[in-house]
Amino acid sequence: MKAFMDRTNDRYLDKRWLTPAVVGLLVVGGQGGFTDTVAALRRYLDFVAPSKPPVEVAVGHADAMGEAQRSEEVSASARAMAARMAAVLLR
């Protein structure tokens, strides 16, 4: 996310807004806190994409490096998010 923020900062300062058709947020962590993380990411999107695109979210737990890619929970959540994003694009 830091890289995304760094790369969109100039656009924000120049008021060159992002206009995505849909946004996907994948939040993975070991201790929870997903609600706060998603809320913070949505607030940032309000700055760089003021058109308020639909936002789809996937969350999952992973405690160790590489665990998320092996997690069926994370994979299922990400696949469901991708399907919802595709449905938005196909409307």
N, C-alpha and C. Protein backbone atom coordinates (compact mmCIF):
# COMPACT_ATOMS: atom_id res chain seq x y z
N MET A 1 0.83 -1.19 0.00
CA MET A 1 0.00 0.00 0.00
C MET A 1 0.87 1.25 0.00
N LYS A 2 1.98 1.20 0.71
CA LYS A 2 2.89 2.36 0.76
C LYS A 2 3.35 2.71 -0.65
N ALA A 3 3.70 1.72 -1.44
CA ALA A 3 4.13 1.99 -2.82
C ALA A 3 3.02 2.65 -3.62
N PHE A 4 1.78 2.17 -3.45
CA PHE A 4 0.64 2.77 -4.14
C PHE A 4 0.48 4.23 -3.73
N MET A 5 0.59 4.49 -2.44
CA MET A 5 0.45 5.87 -1.96
C MET A 5 1.58 6.74 -2.51
N ASP A 6 2.79 6.23 -2.50
CA ASP A 6 3.92 7.00 -3.04
C ASP A 6 3.72 7.32 -4.52
N ARG A 7 3.20 6.35 -5.26
CA ARG A 7 3.04 6.55 -6.71
C ARG A 7 1.83 7.39 -7.08
N THR A 8 0.90 7.55 -6.17
CA THR A 8 -0.27 8.38 -6.48
C THR A 8 -0.20 9.76 -5.83
N ASN A 9 0.78 10.00 -5.02
CA ASN A 9 0.90 11.28 -4.32
C ASN A 9 1.00 12.45 -5.30
N ASP A 10 1.83 12.34 -6.34
CA ASP A 10 1.96 13.42 -7.32
C ASP A 10 0.63 13.68 -8.03
N ARG A 11 -0.09 12.62 -8.35
CA ARG A 11 -1.40 12.80 -8.99
C ARG A 11 -2.33 13.57 -8.07
N TYR A 12 -2.30 13.23 -6.79
CA TYR A 12 -3.15 13.93 -5.82
C TYR A 12 -2.77 15.41 -5.74
N LEU A 13 -1.49 15.68 -5.63
CA LEU A 13 -1.04 17.07 -5.53
C LEU A 13 -1.38 17.88 -6.78
N ASP A 14 -1.37 17.21 -7.94
CA ASP A 14 -1.69 17.88 -9.21
C ASP A 14 -3.19 17.81 -9.54
N LYS A 15 -3.96 17.23 -8.64
CA LYS A 15 -5.42 17.06 -8.84
C LYS A 15 -5.74 16.29 -10.11
N ARG A 16 -4.92 15.29 -10.38
CA ARG A 16 -5.16 14.36 -11.49
C ARG A 16 -5.72 13.08 -10.86
N TRP A 17 -7.02 13.04 -10.67
CA TRP A 17 -7.65 11.98 -9.91
C TRP A 17 -7.66 10.65 -10.64
N LEU A 18 -7.60 9.60 -9.87
CA LEU A 18 -7.80 8.26 -10.42
C LEU A 18 -9.29 8.07 -10.66
N THR A 19 -9.64 7.35 -11.72
CA THR A 19 -11.05 7.11 -12.02
C THR A 19 -11.29 5.63 -12.31
N PRO A 20 -11.01 4.77 -11.35
CA PRO A 20 -11.21 3.34 -11.59
C PRO A 20 -12.69 2.98 -11.66
N ALA A 21 -13.00 1.93 -12.41
CA ALA A 21 -14.38 1.45 -12.47
C ALA A 21 -14.75 0.70 -11.19
N VAL A 22 -13.77 0.08 -10.57
CA VAL A 22 -13.96 -0.66 -9.33
C VAL A 22 -12.59 -0.80 -8.67
N VAL A 23 -12.59 -0.90 -7.35
CA VAL A 23 -11.35 -1.04 -6.59
C VAL A 23 -11.45 -2.31 -5.74
N GLY A 24 -10.37 -3.07 -5.69
CA GLY A 24 -10.30 -4.25 -4.83
C GLY A 24 -9.27 -4.03 -3.74
N LEU A 25 -9.66 -4.30 -2.51
CA LEU A 25 -8.75 -4.21 -1.37
C LEU A 25 -8.60 -5.59 -0.76
N LEU A 26 -7.38 -6.09 -0.73
CA LEU A 26 -7.07 -7.38 -0.11
C LEU A 26 -6.27 -7.10 1.14
N VAL A 27 -6.83 -7.44 2.30
CA VAL A 27 -6.20 -7.16 3.58
C VAL A 27 -5.93 -8.49 4.28
N VAL A 28 -4.66 -8.76 4.55
CA VAL A 28 -4.26 -9.99 5.20
C VAL A 28 -3.42 -9.64 6.42
N GLY A 29 -3.71 -10.27 7.54
CA GLY A 29 -2.94 -10.02 8.75
C GLY A 29 -3.08 -11.17 9.72
N GLY A 30 -2.26 -11.14 10.74
CA GLY A 30 -2.26 -12.21 11.71
C GLY A 30 -3.06 -11.92 12.95
N GLN A 31 -3.32 -10.68 13.24
CA GLN A 31 -3.95 -10.32 14.50
C GLN A 31 -5.35 -9.74 14.33
N GLY A 32 -5.87 -9.69 13.13
CA GLY A 32 -7.16 -9.05 12.91
C GLY A 32 -6.95 -7.58 12.59
N GLY A 33 -7.86 -6.74 13.03
CA GLY A 33 -7.77 -5.32 12.73
C GLY A 33 -8.18 -4.99 11.31
N PHE A 34 -8.88 -5.92 10.68
CA PHE A 34 -9.26 -5.73 9.28
C PHE A 34 -10.17 -4.53 9.08
N THR A 35 -11.11 -4.34 9.99
CA THR A 35 -12.07 -3.24 9.84
C THR A 35 -11.35 -1.89 9.83
N ASP A 36 -10.42 -1.70 10.75
CA ASP A 36 -9.68 -0.43 10.80
C ASP A 36 -8.81 -0.25 9.57
N THR A 37 -8.18 -1.32 9.12
CA THR A 37 -7.31 -1.23 7.93
C THR A 37 -8.12 -0.88 6.69
N VAL A 38 -9.25 -1.56 6.50
CA VAL A 38 -10.10 -1.28 5.34
C VAL A 38 -10.62 0.15 5.42
N ALA A 39 -10.99 0.62 6.59
CA ALA A 39 -11.48 1.99 6.74
C ALA A 39 -10.39 3.00 6.37
N ALA A 40 -9.15 2.74 6.78
CA ALA A 40 -8.05 3.64 6.45
C ALA A 40 -7.79 3.65 4.94
N LEU A 41 -7.84 2.49 4.32
CA LEU A 41 -7.63 2.42 2.87
C LEU A 41 -8.76 3.14 2.12
N ARG A 42 -9.97 3.00 2.59
CA ARG A 42 -11.09 3.71 1.96
C ARG A 42 -10.93 5.22 2.08
N ARG A 43 -10.44 5.69 3.25
CA ARG A 43 -10.22 7.13 3.41
C ARG A 43 -9.17 7.61 2.42
N TYR A 44 -8.12 6.85 2.22
CA TYR A 44 -7.10 7.24 1.25
C TYR A 44 -7.70 7.27 -0.16
N LEU A 45 -8.50 6.29 -0.49
CA LEU A 45 -9.14 6.28 -1.81
C LEU A 45 -10.01 7.50 -2.03
N ASP A 46 -10.64 8.00 -0.97
CA ASP A 46 -11.45 9.21 -1.10
C ASP A 46 -10.61 10.39 -1.60
N PHE A 47 -9.33 10.42 -1.24
CA PHE A 47 -8.45 11.50 -1.69
C PHE A 47 -8.03 11.33 -3.14
N VAL A 48 -7.65 10.11 -3.53
CA VAL A 48 -7.07 9.92 -4.87
C VAL A 48 -8.09 9.51 -5.92
N ALA A 49 -9.27 9.06 -5.48
CA ALA A 49 -10.32 8.66 -6.42
C ALA A 49 -11.66 9.22 -5.91
N PRO A 50 -11.82 10.56 -5.98
CA PRO A 50 -13.02 11.17 -5.42
C PRO A 50 -14.31 10.81 -6.15
N SER A 51 -14.21 10.09 -7.27
CA SER A 51 -15.42 9.66 -7.98
C SER A 51 -16.17 8.58 -7.20
N LYS A 52 -15.61 8.11 -6.10
CA LYS A 52 -16.22 7.10 -5.24
C LYS A 52 -16.57 5.81 -6.00
N PRO A 53 -15.56 5.16 -6.57
CA PRO A 53 -15.83 3.90 -7.28
C PRO A 53 -16.29 2.83 -6.29
N PRO A 54 -16.98 1.81 -6.78
CA PRO A 54 -17.34 0.71 -5.90
C PRO A 54 -16.06 0.06 -5.36
N VAL A 55 -16.10 -0.35 -4.11
CA VAL A 55 -14.94 -0.98 -3.47
C VAL A 55 -15.35 -2.37 -3.01
N GLU A 56 -14.61 -3.36 -3.47
CA GLU A 56 -14.81 -4.74 -3.02
C GLU A 56 -13.65 -5.11 -2.11
N VAL A 57 -13.94 -5.90 -1.09
CA VAL A 57 -12.94 -6.21 -0.06
C VAL A 57 -12.82 -7.71 0.13
N ALA A 58 -11.59 -8.16 0.32
CA ALA A 58 -11.29 -9.53 0.71
C ALA A 58 -10.35 -9.46 1.91
N VAL A 59 -10.58 -10.32 2.89
CA VAL A 59 -9.72 -10.34 4.07
C VAL A 59 -9.35 -11.78 4.40
N GLY A 60 -8.27 -11.93 5.14
CA GLY A 60 -7.87 -13.26 5.58
C GLY A 60 -6.77 -13.20 6.60
N HIS A 61 -6.56 -14.31 7.27
CA HIS A 61 -5.54 -14.40 8.31
C HIS A 61 -4.29 -15.11 7.78
N ALA A 62 -3.15 -14.60 8.17
CA ALA A 62 -1.86 -15.25 7.89
C ALA A 62 -0.87 -14.75 8.93
N ASP A 63 -0.18 -15.67 9.56
CA ASP A 63 0.76 -15.31 10.62
C ASP A 63 2.21 -15.32 10.17
N ALA A 64 2.51 -15.98 9.08
CA ALA A 64 3.91 -16.12 8.66
C ALA A 64 4.04 -15.84 7.17
N MET A 65 5.24 -15.46 6.76
CA MET A 65 5.53 -15.18 5.36
C MET A 65 5.17 -16.40 4.51
N GLY A 66 4.43 -16.18 3.45
CA GLY A 66 4.03 -17.26 2.54
C GLY A 66 2.76 -17.98 2.94
N GLU A 67 2.29 -17.75 4.15
CA GLU A 67 1.10 -18.46 4.62
C GLU A 67 -0.15 -18.03 3.86
N ALA A 68 -0.24 -16.78 3.50
CA ALA A 68 -1.44 -16.29 2.80
C ALA A 68 -1.64 -17.00 1.47
N GLN A 69 -0.56 -17.23 0.74
CA GLN A 69 -0.72 -17.88 -0.56
C GLN A 69 -1.12 -19.34 -0.44
N ARG A 70 -0.89 -19.95 0.71
CA ARG A 70 -1.29 -21.34 0.93
C ARG A 70 -2.65 -21.45 1.63
N SER A 71 -3.20 -20.34 2.05
CA SER A 71 -4.43 -20.34 2.83
C SER A 71 -5.67 -20.44 1.93
N GLU A 72 -6.48 -21.45 2.17
CA GLU A 72 -7.72 -21.57 1.42
C GLU A 72 -8.67 -20.42 1.77
N GLU A 73 -8.65 -19.97 3.03
CA GLU A 73 -9.49 -18.85 3.46
C GLU A 73 -9.16 -17.60 2.64
N VAL A 74 -7.88 -17.28 2.53
CA VAL A 74 -7.46 -16.09 1.78
C VAL A 74 -7.78 -16.26 0.31
N SER A 75 -7.49 -17.44 -0.24
CA SER A 75 -7.76 -17.70 -1.66
C SER A 75 -9.25 -17.58 -1.97
N ALA A 76 -10.08 -18.17 -1.13
CA ALA A 76 -11.53 -18.11 -1.36
C ALA A 76 -12.04 -16.68 -1.27
N SER A 77 -11.55 -15.93 -0.30
CA SER A 77 -11.96 -14.54 -0.15
C SER A 77 -11.53 -13.71 -1.36
N ALA A 78 -10.30 -13.93 -1.83
CA ALA A 78 -9.79 -13.20 -3.00
C ALA A 78 -10.56 -13.57 -4.27
N ARG A 79 -10.88 -14.86 -4.44
CA ARG A 79 -11.66 -15.27 -5.62
C ARG A 79 -13.05 -14.65 -5.59
N ALA A 80 -13.67 -14.63 -4.42
CA ALA A 80 -15.01 -14.03 -4.32
C ALA A 80 -14.95 -12.53 -4.63
N MET A 81 -13.91 -11.87 -4.13
CA MET A 81 -13.75 -10.44 -4.42
C MET A 81 -13.57 -10.23 -5.93
N ALA A 82 -12.75 -11.04 -6.56
CA ALA A 82 -12.52 -10.92 -8.01
C ALA A 82 -13.82 -11.12 -8.78
N ALA A 83 -14.63 -12.06 -8.36
CA ALA A 83 -15.91 -12.29 -9.03
C ALA A 83 -16.83 -11.08 -8.89
N ARG A 84 -16.84 -10.48 -7.71
CA ARG A 84 -17.68 -9.27 -7.51
C ARG A 84 -17.16 -8.12 -8.36
N MET A 85 -15.84 -7.98 -8.45
CA MET A 85 -15.27 -6.92 -9.28
C MET A 85 -15.62 -7.15 -10.75
N ALA A 86 -15.52 -8.39 -11.21
CA ALA A 86 -15.87 -8.70 -12.60
C ALA A 86 -17.34 -8.38 -12.86
N ALA A 87 -18.21 -8.68 -11.90
CA ALA A 87 -19.64 -8.39 -12.08
C ALA A 87 -19.86 -6.88 -12.24
N VAL A 88 -19.13 -6.08 -11.48
CA VAL A 88 -19.24 -4.62 -11.62
C VAL A 88 -18.82 -4.21 -13.03
N LEU A 89 -17.73 -4.77 -13.51
CA LEU A 89 -17.22 -4.40 -14.83
C LEU A 89 -18.14 -4.87 -15.97
N LEU A 90 -18.88 -5.94 -15.74
CA LEU A 90 -19.75 -6.48 -16.79
C LEU A 90 -21.14 -5.87 -16.80
N ARG A 91 -21.42 -4.97 -15.89
CA ARG A 91 -22.76 -4.33 -15.86
C ARG A 91 -22.96 -3.49 -17.07
